[in-house]
Amino acid sequence: MDEINYTLAGSWVAASLRSASPLMLVLLGETLTQRVGIVNLGVEGQMLAGACFGFGAAAVFHDPVLGLGVGALAGLVLSLLHGVLCIQLRVNQIASGLCVMMLGTGITSYVGRVFVGAEVSGLAPLAGQFASAQSFWQPLLTQLTWIAPLAVVLTLVAGVLLFRTRTGLHWRTVGESSTVAAALGLRPRLVQWQGLLTGGLLSGLAGAVLSIDYTQTWAQNMTKGLGLIAVGLVIVARWNPFLVLPVALLFGLADTSVLRLQAAAVNTSSYLLAAAPYVFCLGILVVTHLRADRDAHMPAGLKAVFNDR
């Protein structure tokens, strides 16, 4: 009985990690972007672009790894557009991000028509078989691919780079005040480009992971607002890459719980169950907003974004 319980626990952890991986990547990307004083609402469109073009490449060339690379580049290209508008031309960041989001939605709706309903072979699991049929590690090794550990490692590496390196200090300085950063001899626009492009790369990769590794299919608007949720959850993660991991895992656990309840034929509307993870995230945002120190970790440079008219 204990072995069965361990296996069940491992299965829940594996399912939560798989569900959380796309959100973890896009949330990490938006966290790093906002750390340099840029808000990118276009991550939803970038995720869709990554999911669509990454899936298309994987389907045409029968190579999921190539698809992940193409998806990451698709997100990078759209973030370039956002950068030209808000960094070079000083367009309002909120308006620019919305334009990128709508552009990504429109392009993927048109290009992705031919891939609707298609399937691809996903990535191989960490281990095809495991010696022990009943153990905590068995579902982790047989259900997870290398994407989940990669996402976890990236969050930890990003945290170390941001808080323990000179480059991270430069990013945080620019995020607090580009004027002060320039006075210190830094190049604020270059640093902002670095943060924005890193976020675009990660958001595109997140979309590709969603279509290639998680669902292994493409459907129009398949992100269902996940990119916008990431923008809000940056507040919950307190602009800290180290906190991206637990925040994403909480969402993954909520999403997995809903799927398990649906599989158990719970006598509740499937639409209500599908909305549960998003209600959960909304509740976290409300609780965070009620905290007296809710803005304590917010880069000061972001306040200018919302005060811009």
C-alpha atoms as a PDB file:
ATOM      1  CA  MET A   1       0.000   0.000   0.000  1.00  0.00           C
ATOM      2  CA  ASP A   2       2.854   2.400   0.841  1.00  0.00           C
ATOM      3  CA  GLU A   3       4.449   1.747  -2.568  1.00  0.00           C
ATOM      4  CA  ILE A   4       1.154   2.522  -4.293  1.00  0.00           C
ATOM      5  CA  ASN A   5       0.886   5.778  -2.331  1.00  0.00           C
ATOM      6  CA  TYR A   6       4.428   6.737  -3.309  1.00  0.00           C
ATOM      7  CA  THR A   7       3.645   6.022  -6.966  1.00  0.00           C
ATOM      8  CA  LEU A   8       0.468   8.091  -6.771  1.00  0.00           C
ATOM      9  CA  ALA A   9       2.375  10.982  -5.216  1.00  0.00           C
ATOM     10  CA  GLY A  10       5.021  10.729  -7.920  1.00  0.00           C
ATOM     11  CA  SER A  11       2.325  10.747 -10.579  1.00  0.00           C
ATOM     12  CA  TRP A  12       0.835  13.966  -9.172  1.00  0.00           C
ATOM     13  CA  VAL A  13       4.251  15.625  -9.043  1.00  0.00           C
ATOM     14  CA  ALA A  14       5.047  14.539 -12.607  1.00  0.00           C
ATOM     15  CA  ALA A  15       1.704  15.780 -13.936  1.00  0.00           C
ATOM     16  CA  SER A  16       2.094  19.099 -12.091  1.00  0.00           C
ATOM     17  CA  LEU A  17       5.594  19.622 -13.483  1.00  0.00           C
ATOM     18  CA  ARG A  18       4.463  18.867 -17.039  1.00  0.00           C
ATOM     19  CA  SER A  19       1.551  21.258 -16.746  1.00  0.00           C
ATOM     20  CA  ALA A  20       3.670  23.961 -15.093  1.00  0.00           C
ATOM     21  CA  SER A  21       6.617  23.870 -17.513  1.00  0.00           C
ATOM     22  CA  PRO A  22       5.168  26.222 -20.202  1.00  0.00           C
ATOM     23  CA  LEU A  23       4.006  28.715 -17.561  1.00  0.00           C
ATOM     24  CA  MET A  24       7.335  28.473 -15.758  1.00  0.00           C
ATOM     25  CA  LEU A  25       9.235  29.436 -18.904  1.00  0.00           C
ATOM     26  CA  VAL A  26       7.002  32.337 -19.942  1.00  0.00           C
ATOM     27  CA  LEU A  27       6.768  33.593 -16.344  1.00  0.00           C
ATOM     28  CA  LEU A  28      10.552  33.532 -16.050  1.00  0.00           C
ATOM     29  CA  GLY A  29      10.878  35.421 -19.328  1.00  0.00           C
ATOM     30  CA  GLU A  30       8.414  38.134 -18.279  1.00  0.00           C
ATOM     31  CA  THR A  31      10.084  38.416 -14.863  1.00  0.00           C
ATOM     32  CA  LEU A  32      13.459  39.096 -16.475  1.00  0.00           C
ATOM     33  CA  THR A  33      11.865  41.537 -18.941  1.00  0.00           C
ATOM     34  CA  GLN A  34      10.194  43.539 -16.196  1.00  0.00           C
ATOM     35  CA  ARG A  35      13.428  43.540 -14.193  1.00  0.00           C
ATOM     36  CA  VAL A  36      14.924  45.863 -16.837  1.00  0.00           C
ATOM     37  CA  GLY A  37      11.896  48.167 -16.721  1.00  0.00           C
ATOM     38  CA  ILE A  38       9.903  46.814 -19.670  1.00  0.00           C
ATOM     39  CA  VAL A  39       6.351  45.440 -19.523  1.00  0.00           C
ATOM     40  CA  ASN A  40       5.506  43.098 -22.395  1.00  0.00           C
ATOM     41  CA  LEU A  41       1.818  42.262 -22.745  1.00  0.00           C
ATOM     42  CA  GLY A  42       2.699  40.692 -26.086  1.00  0.00           C
ATOM     43  CA  VAL A  43       3.893  37.460 -24.455  1.00  0.00           C
ATOM     44  CA  GLU A  44       0.502  35.907 -25.230  1.00  0.00           C
ATOM     45  CA  GLY A  45       1.063  36.490 -28.942  1.00  0.00           C
ATOM     46  CA  GLN A  46       4.684  35.356 -28.629  1.00  0.00           C
ATOM     47  CA  MET A  47       3.578  32.118 -26.975  1.00  0.00           C
ATOM     48  CA  LEU A  48       1.057  31.509 -29.744  1.00  0.00           C
ATOM     49  CA  ALA A  49       3.728  32.171 -32.372  1.00  0.00           C
ATOM     50  CA  GLY A  50       6.084  29.746 -30.662  1.00  0.00           C
ATOM     51  CA  ALA A  51       3.366  27.108 -30.395  1.00  0.00           C
ATOM     52  CA  CYS A  52       2.260  27.485 -34.013  1.00  0.00           C
ATOM     53  CA  PHE A  53       5.578  27.768 -35.837  1.00  0.00           C
ATOM     54  CA  GLY A  54       7.298  25.318 -33.513  1.00  0.00           C
ATOM     55  CA  PHE A  55       4.563  22.742 -34.046  1.00  0.00           C
ATOM     56  CA  GLY A  56       4.656  23.343 -37.804  1.00  0.00           C
ATOM     57  CA  ALA A  57       8.415  22.761 -37.936  1.00  0.00           C
ATOM     58  CA  ALA A  58       8.125  19.622 -35.794  1.00  0.00           C
ATOM     59  CA  ALA A  59       5.315  18.280 -38.006  1.00  0.00           C
ATOM     60  CA  VAL A  60       7.045  19.007 -41.325  1.00  0.00           C
ATOM     61  CA  PHE A  61      10.553  17.869 -40.385  1.00  0.00           C
ATOM     62  CA  HIS A  62       9.517  15.215 -37.833  1.00  0.00           C
ATOM     63  CA  ASP A  63      11.956  16.682 -35.323  1.00  0.00           C
ATOM     64  CA  PRO A  64      10.544  17.965 -32.005  1.00  0.00           C
ATOM     65  CA  VAL A  65      13.862  19.509 -30.945  1.00  0.00           C
ATOM     66  CA  LEU A  66      13.982  21.550 -34.155  1.00  0.00           C
ATOM     67  CA  GLY A  67      10.400  22.579 -33.483  1.00  0.00           C
ATOM     68  CA  LEU A  68      11.348  23.873 -30.034  1.00  0.00           C
ATOM     69  CA  GLY A  69      14.145  25.933 -31.567  1.00  0.00           C
ATOM     70  CA  VAL A  70      11.881  27.380 -34.254  1.00  0.00           C
ATOM     71  CA  GLY A  71       9.256  28.218 -31.644  1.00  0.00           C
ATOM     72  CA  ALA A  72      11.804  30.055 -29.505  1.00  0.00           C
ATOM     73  CA  LEU A  73      12.922  32.071 -32.539  1.00  0.00           C
ATOM     74  CA  ALA A  74       9.307  32.952 -33.378  1.00  0.00           C
ATOM     75  CA  GLY A  75       8.857  34.458 -29.919  1.00  0.00           C
ATOM     76  CA  LEU A  76      12.177  36.272 -30.322  1.00  0.00           C
ATOM     77  CA  VAL A  77      11.079  37.858 -33.614  1.00  0.00           C
ATOM     78  CA  LEU A  78       7.874  39.257 -32.125  1.00  0.00           C
ATOM     79  CA  SER A  79       9.782  40.614 -29.130  1.00  0.00           C
ATOM     80  CA  LEU A  80      12.024  42.446 -31.628  1.00  0.00           C
ATOM     81  CA  LEU A  81       8.959  44.307 -32.863  1.00  0.00           C
ATOM     82  CA  HIS A  82       8.002  45.246 -29.311  1.00  0.00           C
ATOM     83  CA  GLY A  83      11.559  46.423 -28.689  1.00  0.00           C
ATOM     84  CA  VAL A  84      11.653  48.643 -31.764  1.00  0.00           C
ATOM     85  CA  LEU A  85       8.380  50.254 -30.736  1.00  0.00           C
ATOM     86  CA  CYS A  86       8.921  50.777 -27.015  1.00  0.00           C
ATOM     87  CA  ILE A  87      12.721  50.997 -26.660  1.00  0.00           C
ATOM     88  CA  GLN A  88      13.778  52.728 -29.873  1.00  0.00           C
ATOM     89  CA  LEU A  89      10.651  54.748 -30.726  1.00  0.00           C
ATOM     90  CA  ARG A  90       9.441  55.193 -27.125  1.00  0.00           C
ATOM     91  CA  VAL A  91       5.884  54.143 -27.932  1.00  0.00           C
ATOM     92  CA  ASN A  92       3.641  53.415 -24.939  1.00  0.00           C
ATOM     93  CA  GLN A  93       4.612  49.928 -23.748  1.00  0.00           C
ATOM     94  CA  ILE A  94       1.062  48.830 -22.983  1.00  0.00           C
ATOM     95  CA  ALA A  95      -0.164  49.796 -26.466  1.00  0.00           C
ATOM     96  CA  SER A  96       2.869  48.177 -28.110  1.00  0.00           C
ATOM     97  CA  GLY A  97       2.382  44.947 -26.170  1.00  0.00           C
ATOM     98  CA  LEU A  98      -1.295  44.756 -27.130  1.00  0.00           C
ATOM     99  CA  CYS A  99      -0.354  45.238 -30.789  1.00  0.00           C
ATOM    100  CA  VAL A 100       2.171  42.393 -30.587  1.00  0.00           C
ATOM    101  CA  MET A 101      -0.398  40.165 -28.882  1.00  0.00           C
ATOM    102  CA  MET A 102      -3.040  40.813 -31.563  1.00  0.00           C
ATOM    103  CA  LEU A 103      -0.490  40.375 -34.337  1.00  0.00           C
ATOM    104  CA  GLY A 104       0.611  37.024 -32.944  1.00  0.00           C
ATOM    105  CA  THR A 105      -3.005  35.899 -32.566  1.00  0.00           C
ATOM    106  CA  GLY A 106      -3.884  36.897 -36.122  1.00  0.00           C
ATOM    107  CA  ILE A 107      -0.806  35.382 -37.761  1.00  0.00           C
ATOM    108  CA  THR A 108      -1.137  32.068 -35.957  1.00  0.00           C
ATOM    109  CA  SER A 109      -4.864  31.854 -36.707  1.00  0.00           C
ATOM    110  CA  TYR A 110      -4.056  32.160 -40.415  1.00  0.00           C
ATOM    111  CA  VAL A 111      -0.853  30.108 -40.634  1.00  0.00           C
ATOM    112  CA  GLY A 112      -2.013  27.449 -38.198  1.00  0.00           C
ATOM    113  CA  ARG A 113      -5.158  26.503 -40.131  1.00  0.00           C
ATOM    114  CA  VAL A 114      -3.367  23.692 -41.951  1.00  0.00           C
ATOM    115  CA  PHE A 115      -2.119  22.171 -38.687  1.00  0.00           C
ATOM    116  CA  VAL A 116      -5.397  22.082 -36.760  1.00  0.00           C
ATOM    117  CA  GLY A 117      -5.993  18.532 -35.546  1.00  0.00           C
ATOM    118  CA  ALA A 118      -2.528  17.318 -36.584  1.00  0.00           C
ATOM    119  CA  GLU A 119      -0.287  15.495 -34.136  1.00  0.00           C
ATOM    120  CA  VAL A 120       3.447  15.180 -33.624  1.00  0.00           C
ATOM    121  CA  SER A 121       5.644  12.733 -31.783  1.00  0.00           C
ATOM    122  CA  GLY A 122       6.743  14.433 -28.590  1.00  0.00           C
ATOM    123  CA  LEU A 123      10.049  14.217 -26.802  1.00  0.00           C
ATOM    124  CA  ALA A 124      11.209  10.934 -25.325  1.00  0.00           C
ATOM    125  CA  PRO A 125      10.712  10.469 -21.548  1.00  0.00           C
ATOM    126  CA  LEU A 126      13.661  10.654 -19.213  1.00  0.00           C
ATOM    127  CA  ALA A 127      13.565   6.848 -18.899  1.00  0.00           C
ATOM    128  CA  GLY A 128      11.418   4.489 -20.935  1.00  0.00           C
ATOM    129  CA  GLN A 129      11.313   1.877 -18.195  1.00  0.00           C
ATOM    130  CA  PHE A 130      12.201   1.882 -14.545  1.00  0.00           C
ATOM    131  CA  ALA A 131      13.377  -1.015 -12.448  1.00  0.00           C
ATOM    132  CA  SER A 132      10.816  -0.596  -9.706  1.00  0.00           C
ATOM    133  CA  ALA A 133       7.213  -0.863 -10.871  1.00  0.00           C
ATOM    134  CA  GLN A 134       5.932   0.882  -7.738  1.00  0.00           C
ATOM    135  CA  SER A 135       8.005   3.834  -6.525  1.00  0.00           C
ATOM    136  CA  PHE A 136       7.907   7.618  -6.251  1.00  0.00           C
ATOM    137  CA  TRP A 137      10.504   8.042  -9.021  1.00  0.00           C
ATOM    138  CA  GLN A 138       8.891   5.712 -11.544  1.00  0.00           C
ATOM    139  CA  PRO A 139       6.262   8.206 -12.835  1.00  0.00           C
ATOM    140  CA  LEU A 140       8.788  11.055 -12.790  1.00  0.00           C
ATOM    141  CA  LEU A 141      11.174   9.183 -15.055  1.00  0.00           C
ATOM    142  CA  THR A 142       8.550   7.702 -17.371  1.00  0.00           C
ATOM    143  CA  GLN A 143       6.164  10.660 -17.721  1.00  0.00           C
ATOM    144  CA  LEU A 144       8.541  13.625 -17.786  1.00  0.00           C
ATOM    145  CA  THR A 145      10.833  14.680 -20.619  1.00  0.00           C
ATOM    146  CA  TRP A 146      13.972  16.791 -20.268  1.00  0.00           C
ATOM    147  CA  ILE A 147      11.859  19.955 -20.617  1.00  0.00           C
ATOM    148  CA  ALA A 148      10.693  19.926 -16.976  1.00  0.00           C
ATOM    149  CA  PRO A 149      14.184  19.701 -15.414  1.00  0.00           C
ATOM    150  CA  LEU A 150      15.417  22.265 -17.968  1.00  0.00           C
ATOM    151  CA  ALA A 151      12.713  24.736 -16.880  1.00  0.00           C
ATOM    152  CA  VAL A 152      13.598  24.220 -13.217  1.00  0.00           C
ATOM    153  CA  VAL A 153      17.317  24.678 -13.862  1.00  0.00           C
ATOM    154  CA  LEU A 154      16.711  27.825 -15.923  1.00  0.00           C
ATOM    155  CA  THR A 155      14.790  29.478 -13.065  1.00  0.00           C
ATOM    156  CA  LEU A 156      17.611  28.742 -10.630  1.00  0.00           C
ATOM    157  CA  VAL A 157      20.319  29.886 -13.051  1.00  0.00           C
ATOM    158  CA  ALA A 158      18.383  33.085 -13.816  1.00  0.00           C
ATOM    159  CA  GLY A 159      18.084  33.821 -10.098  1.00  0.00           C
ATOM    160  CA  VAL A 160      21.821  33.395  -9.572  1.00  0.00           C
ATOM    161  CA  LEU A 161      22.633  35.563 -12.594  1.00  0.00           C
ATOM    162  CA  LEU A 162      20.230  38.304 -11.512  1.00  0.00           C
ATOM    163  CA  PHE A 163      21.280  38.524  -7.857  1.00  0.00           C
ATOM    164  CA  ARG A 164      24.859  37.239  -7.812  1.00  0.00           C
ATOM    165  CA  THR A 165      26.555  38.610 -10.940  1.00  0.00           C
ATOM    166  CA  ARG A 166      27.637  41.988 -12.303  1.00  0.00           C
ATOM    167  CA  THR A 167      25.326  41.542 -15.304  1.00  0.00           C
ATOM    168  CA  GLY A 168      22.389  40.996 -12.985  1.00  0.00           C
ATOM    169  CA  LEU A 169      23.325  44.124 -11.040  1.00  0.00           C
ATOM    170  CA  HIS A 170      23.301  46.108 -14.291  1.00  0.00           C
ATOM    171  CA  TRP A 171      19.858  44.735 -15.175  1.00  0.00           C
ATOM    172  CA  ARG A 172      18.445  45.628 -11.767  1.00  0.00           C
ATOM    173  CA  THR A 173      19.989  49.094 -11.880  1.00  0.00           C
ATOM    174  CA  VAL A 174      18.420  49.846 -15.261  1.00  0.00           C
ATOM    175  CA  GLY A 175      15.108  48.515 -14.004  1.00  0.00           C
ATOM    176  CA  GLU A 176      15.197  50.922 -11.089  1.00  0.00           C
ATOM    177  CA  SER A 177      16.211  53.994 -13.098  1.00  0.00           C
ATOM    178  CA  SER A 178      17.609  54.238 -16.599  1.00  0.00           C
ATOM    179  CA  THR A 179      18.742  57.808 -15.806  1.00  0.00           C
ATOM    180  CA  VAL A 180      20.846  56.683 -12.856  1.00  0.00           C
ATOM    181  CA  ALA A 181      22.155  53.735 -14.880  1.00  0.00           C
ATOM    182  CA  ALA A 182      23.278  56.077 -17.663  1.00  0.00           C
ATOM    183  CA  ALA A 183      24.997  58.336 -15.128  1.00  0.00           C
ATOM    184  CA  LEU A 184      26.909  55.276 -13.884  1.00  0.00           C
ATOM    185  CA  GLY A 185      28.196  54.612 -17.393  1.00  0.00           C
ATOM    186  CA  LEU A 186      25.774  51.843 -18.354  1.00  0.00           C
ATOM    187  CA  ARG A 187      23.866  51.664 -21.633  1.00  0.00           C
ATOM    188  CA  PRO A 188      20.213  51.388 -20.570  1.00  0.00           C
ATOM    189  CA  ARG A 189      18.802  50.657 -24.015  1.00  0.00           C
ATOM    190  CA  LEU A 190      21.257  47.812 -24.587  1.00  0.00           C
ATOM    191  CA  VAL A 191      20.374  46.293 -21.207  1.00  0.00           C
ATOM    192  CA  GLN A 192      16.654  46.639 -21.940  1.00  0.00           C
ATOM    193  CA  TRP A 193      17.160  44.900 -25.266  1.00  0.00           C
ATOM    194  CA  GLN A 194      18.912  42.048 -23.484  1.00  0.00           C
ATOM    195  CA  GLY A 195      16.070  41.564 -21.018  1.00  0.00           C
ATOM    196  CA  LEU A 196      13.351  41.906 -23.654  1.00  0.00           C
ATOM    197  CA  LEU A 197      14.931  39.467 -26.113  1.00  0.00           C
ATOM    198  CA  THR A 198      15.581  36.949 -23.345  1.00  0.00           C
ATOM    199  CA  GLY A 199      11.913  37.159 -22.419  1.00  0.00           C
ATOM    200  CA  GLY A 200      10.862  36.770 -26.062  1.00  0.00           C
ATOM    201  CA  LEU A 201      13.038  33.689 -26.477  1.00  0.00           C
ATOM    202  CA  LEU A 202      11.610  32.066 -23.351  1.00  0.00           C
ATOM    203  CA  SER A 203       7.983  32.908 -24.226  1.00  0.00           C
ATOM    204  CA  GLY A 204       8.377  31.419 -27.701  1.00  0.00           C
ATOM    205  CA  LEU A 205       9.975  28.315 -26.188  1.00  0.00           C
ATOM    206  CA  ALA A 206       7.094  28.096 -23.706  1.00  0.00           C
ATOM    207  CA  GLY A 207       4.579  28.068 -26.550  1.00  0.00           C
ATOM    208  CA  ALA A 208       6.524  25.398 -28.415  1.00  0.00           C
ATOM    209  CA  VAL A 209       6.699  23.271 -25.248  1.00  0.00           C
ATOM    210  CA  LEU A 210       2.927  23.602 -24.904  1.00  0.00           C
ATOM    211  CA  SER A 211       2.172  22.352 -28.426  1.00  0.00           C
ATOM    212  CA  ILE A 212       5.022  19.878 -28.938  1.00  0.00           C
ATOM    213  CA  ASP A 213       5.797  18.405 -25.532  1.00  0.00           C
ATOM    214  CA  TYR A 214       2.592  18.840 -23.518  1.00  0.00           C
ATOM    215  CA  THR A 215      -0.402  18.536 -25.888  1.00  0.00           C
ATOM    216  CA  GLN A 216       1.474  17.261 -28.971  1.00  0.00           C
ATOM    217  CA  THR A 217      -1.102  18.985 -31.175  1.00  0.00           C
ATOM    218  CA  TRP A 218      -2.034  22.460 -32.388  1.00  0.00           C
ATOM    219  CA  ALA A 219      -5.296  24.306 -31.861  1.00  0.00           C
ATOM    220  CA  GLN A 220      -6.042  27.954 -32.521  1.00  0.00           C
ATOM    221  CA  ASN A 221      -5.621  30.183 -29.463  1.00  0.00           C
ATOM    222  CA  MET A 222      -4.422  27.158 -27.512  1.00  0.00           C
ATOM    223  CA  THR A 223      -2.592  29.254 -24.903  1.00  0.00           C
ATOM    224  CA  LYS A 224      -5.987  30.446 -23.551  1.00  0.00           C
ATOM    225  CA  GLY A 225      -4.554  33.510 -21.845  1.00  0.00           C
ATOM    226  CA  LEU A 226      -1.571  31.747 -20.274  1.00  0.00           C
ATOM    227  CA  GLY A 227       0.764  34.525 -21.388  1.00  0.00           C
ATOM    228  CA  LEU A 228      -1.395  37.217 -19.802  1.00  0.00           C
ATOM    229  CA  ILE A 229      -1.610  35.145 -16.628  1.00  0.00           C
ATOM    230  CA  ALA A 230       2.195  35.119 -16.557  1.00  0.00           C
ATOM    231  CA  VAL A 231       2.229  38.930 -16.698  1.00  0.00           C
ATOM    232  CA  GLY A 232       0.035  39.040 -13.595  1.00  0.00           C
ATOM    233  CA  LEU A 233       1.874  36.281 -11.756  1.00  0.00           C
ATOM    234  CA  VAL A 234       5.118  38.249 -11.999  1.00  0.00           C
ATOM    235  CA  ILE A 235       3.658  40.283  -9.124  1.00  0.00           C
ATOM    236  CA  VAL A 236       3.044  37.119  -7.108  1.00  0.00           C
ATOM    237  CA  ALA A 237       6.614  35.972  -7.811  1.00  0.00           C
ATOM    238  CA  ARG A 238       7.739  39.419  -6.611  1.00  0.00           C
ATOM    239  CA  TRP A 239       9.955  39.914  -9.672  1.00  0.00           C
ATOM    240  CA  ASN A 240      12.199  37.161  -8.308  1.00  0.00           C
ATOM    241  CA  PRO A 241      13.251  34.229 -10.556  1.00  0.00           C
ATOM    242  CA  PHE A 242      13.659  31.998  -7.504  1.00  0.00           C
ATOM    243  CA  LEU A 243       9.938  32.389  -6.729  1.00  0.00           C
ATOM    244  CA  VAL A 244       8.893  31.594 -10.306  1.00  0.00           C
ATOM    245  CA  LEU A 245       9.250  27.873  -9.589  1.00  0.00           C
ATOM    246  CA  PRO A 246       6.794  27.588  -6.651  1.00  0.00           C
ATOM    247  CA  VAL A 247       4.283  29.974  -8.269  1.00  0.00           C
ATOM    248  CA  ALA A 248       4.251  27.984 -11.533  1.00  0.00           C
ATOM    249  CA  LEU A 249       4.034  24.696  -9.643  1.00  0.00           C
ATOM    250  CA  LEU A 250       0.983  25.931  -7.744  1.00  0.00           C
ATOM    251  CA  PHE A 251      -0.740  26.666 -11.052  1.00  0.00           C
ATOM    252  CA  GLY A 252       0.362  23.293 -12.430  1.00  0.00           C
ATOM    253  CA  LEU A 253      -1.010  21.532  -9.356  1.00  0.00           C
ATOM    254  CA  ALA A 254      -4.348  23.336  -9.723  1.00  0.00           C
ATOM    255  CA  ASP A 255      -4.524  22.453 -13.409  1.00  0.00           C
ATOM    256  CA  THR A 256      -3.642  18.816 -12.729  1.00  0.00           C
ATOM    257  CA  SER A 257      -6.248  18.593  -9.968  1.00  0.00           C
ATOM    258  CA  VAL A 258      -8.918  19.797 -12.381  1.00  0.00           C
ATOM    259  CA  LEU A 259      -7.946  17.153 -14.946  1.00  0.00           C
ATOM    260  CA  ARG A 260      -8.044  14.435 -12.292  1.00  0.00           C
ATOM    261  CA  LEU A 261     -11.487  15.590 -11.144  1.00  0.00           C
ATOM    262  CA  GLN A 262     -12.764  15.533 -14.726  1.00  0.00           C
ATOM    263  CA  ALA A 263     -11.360  12.036 -15.209  1.00  0.00           C
ATOM    264  CA  ALA A 264     -13.122  10.959 -12.013  1.00  0.00           C
ATOM    265  CA  ALA A 265     -16.441  12.135 -13.526  1.00  0.00           C
ATOM    266  CA  VAL A 266     -17.155  14.646 -10.764  1.00  0.00           C
ATOM    267  CA  ASN A 267     -20.719  15.911 -11.039  1.00  0.00           C
ATOM    268  CA  THR A 268     -19.746  19.503 -11.844  1.00  0.00           C
ATOM    269  CA  SER A 269     -19.783  21.513 -15.044  1.00  0.00           C
ATOM    270  CA  SER A 270     -16.609  20.900 -17.050  1.00  0.00           C
ATOM    271  CA  TYR A 271     -16.513  24.618 -17.867  1.00  0.00           C
ATOM    272  CA  LEU A 272     -16.402  25.508 -14.188  1.00  0.00           C
ATOM    273  CA  LEU A 273     -13.656  22.980 -13.574  1.00  0.00           C
ATOM    274  CA  ALA A 274     -11.642  24.329 -16.515  1.00  0.00           C
ATOM    275  CA  ALA A 275     -11.886  27.841 -15.045  1.00  0.00           C
ATOM    276  CA  ALA A 276     -10.654  26.723 -11.615  1.00  0.00           C
ATOM    277  CA  PRO A 277      -6.882  27.238 -12.194  1.00  0.00           C
ATOM    278  CA  TYR A 278      -7.515  30.793 -13.414  1.00  0.00           C
ATOM    279  CA  VAL A 279      -9.762  31.558 -10.441  1.00  0.00           C
ATOM    280  CA  PHE A 280      -6.982  30.189  -8.261  1.00  0.00           C
ATOM    281  CA  CYS A 281      -4.479  32.607  -9.859  1.00  0.00           C
ATOM    282  CA  LEU A 282      -6.933  35.488  -9.447  1.00  0.00           C
ATOM    283  CA  GLY A 283      -7.257  34.665  -5.760  1.00  0.00           C
ATOM    284  CA  ILE A 284      -3.472  34.717  -5.350  1.00  0.00           C
ATOM    285  CA  LEU A 285      -3.325  38.127  -7.040  1.00  0.00           C
ATOM    286  CA  VAL A 286      -6.010  39.502  -4.724  1.00  0.00           C
ATOM    287  CA  VAL A 287      -4.212  38.225  -1.622  1.00  0.00           C
ATOM    288  CA  THR A 288      -0.940  39.673  -2.904  1.00  0.00           C
ATOM    289  CA  HIS A 289      -2.589  43.039  -3.578  1.00  0.00           C
ATOM    290  CA  LEU A 290      -3.885  43.221  -0.015  1.00  0.00           C
ATOM    291  CA  ARG A 291      -0.378  42.921   1.417  1.00  0.00           C
ATOM    292  CA  ALA A 292       0.981  46.224   2.695  1.00  0.00           C
ATOM    293  CA  ASP A 293       4.370  45.624   1.059  1.00  0.00           C
ATOM    294  CA  ARG A 294       2.982  44.498  -2.296  1.00  0.00           C
ATOM    295  CA  ASP A 295       5.107  47.033  -4.233  1.00  0.00           C
ATOM    296  CA  ALA A 296       8.254  46.626  -2.150  1.00  0.00           C
ATOM    297  CA  HIS A 297      10.015  44.480  -4.748  1.00  0.00           C
ATOM    298  CA  MET A 298       8.631  46.191  -7.857  1.00  0.00           C
ATOM    299  CA  PRO A 299      11.359  47.781 -10.023  1.00  0.00           C
ATOM    300  CA  ALA A 300      10.890  51.542  -9.760  1.00  0.00           C
ATOM    301  CA  GLY A 301      11.251  51.907 -13.524  1.00  0.00           C
ATOM    302  CA  LEU A 302       7.958  50.072 -14.068  1.00  0.00           C
ATOM    303  CA  LYS A 303       6.012  52.841 -12.352  1.00  0.00           C
ATOM    304  CA  ALA A 304       6.881  55.186 -15.212  1.00  0.00           C
ATOM    305  CA  VAL A 305       5.319  52.719 -17.641  1.00  0.00           C
ATOM    306  CA  PHE A 306       1.909  52.958 -15.985  1.00  0.00           C
ATOM    307  CA  ASN A 307       2.185  56.712 -15.473  1.00  0.00           C
ATOM    308  CA  ASP A 308       2.944  57.267 -19.168  1.00  0.00           C
ATOM    309  CA  ARG A 309       0.030  58.839 -21.001  1.00  0.00           C
END
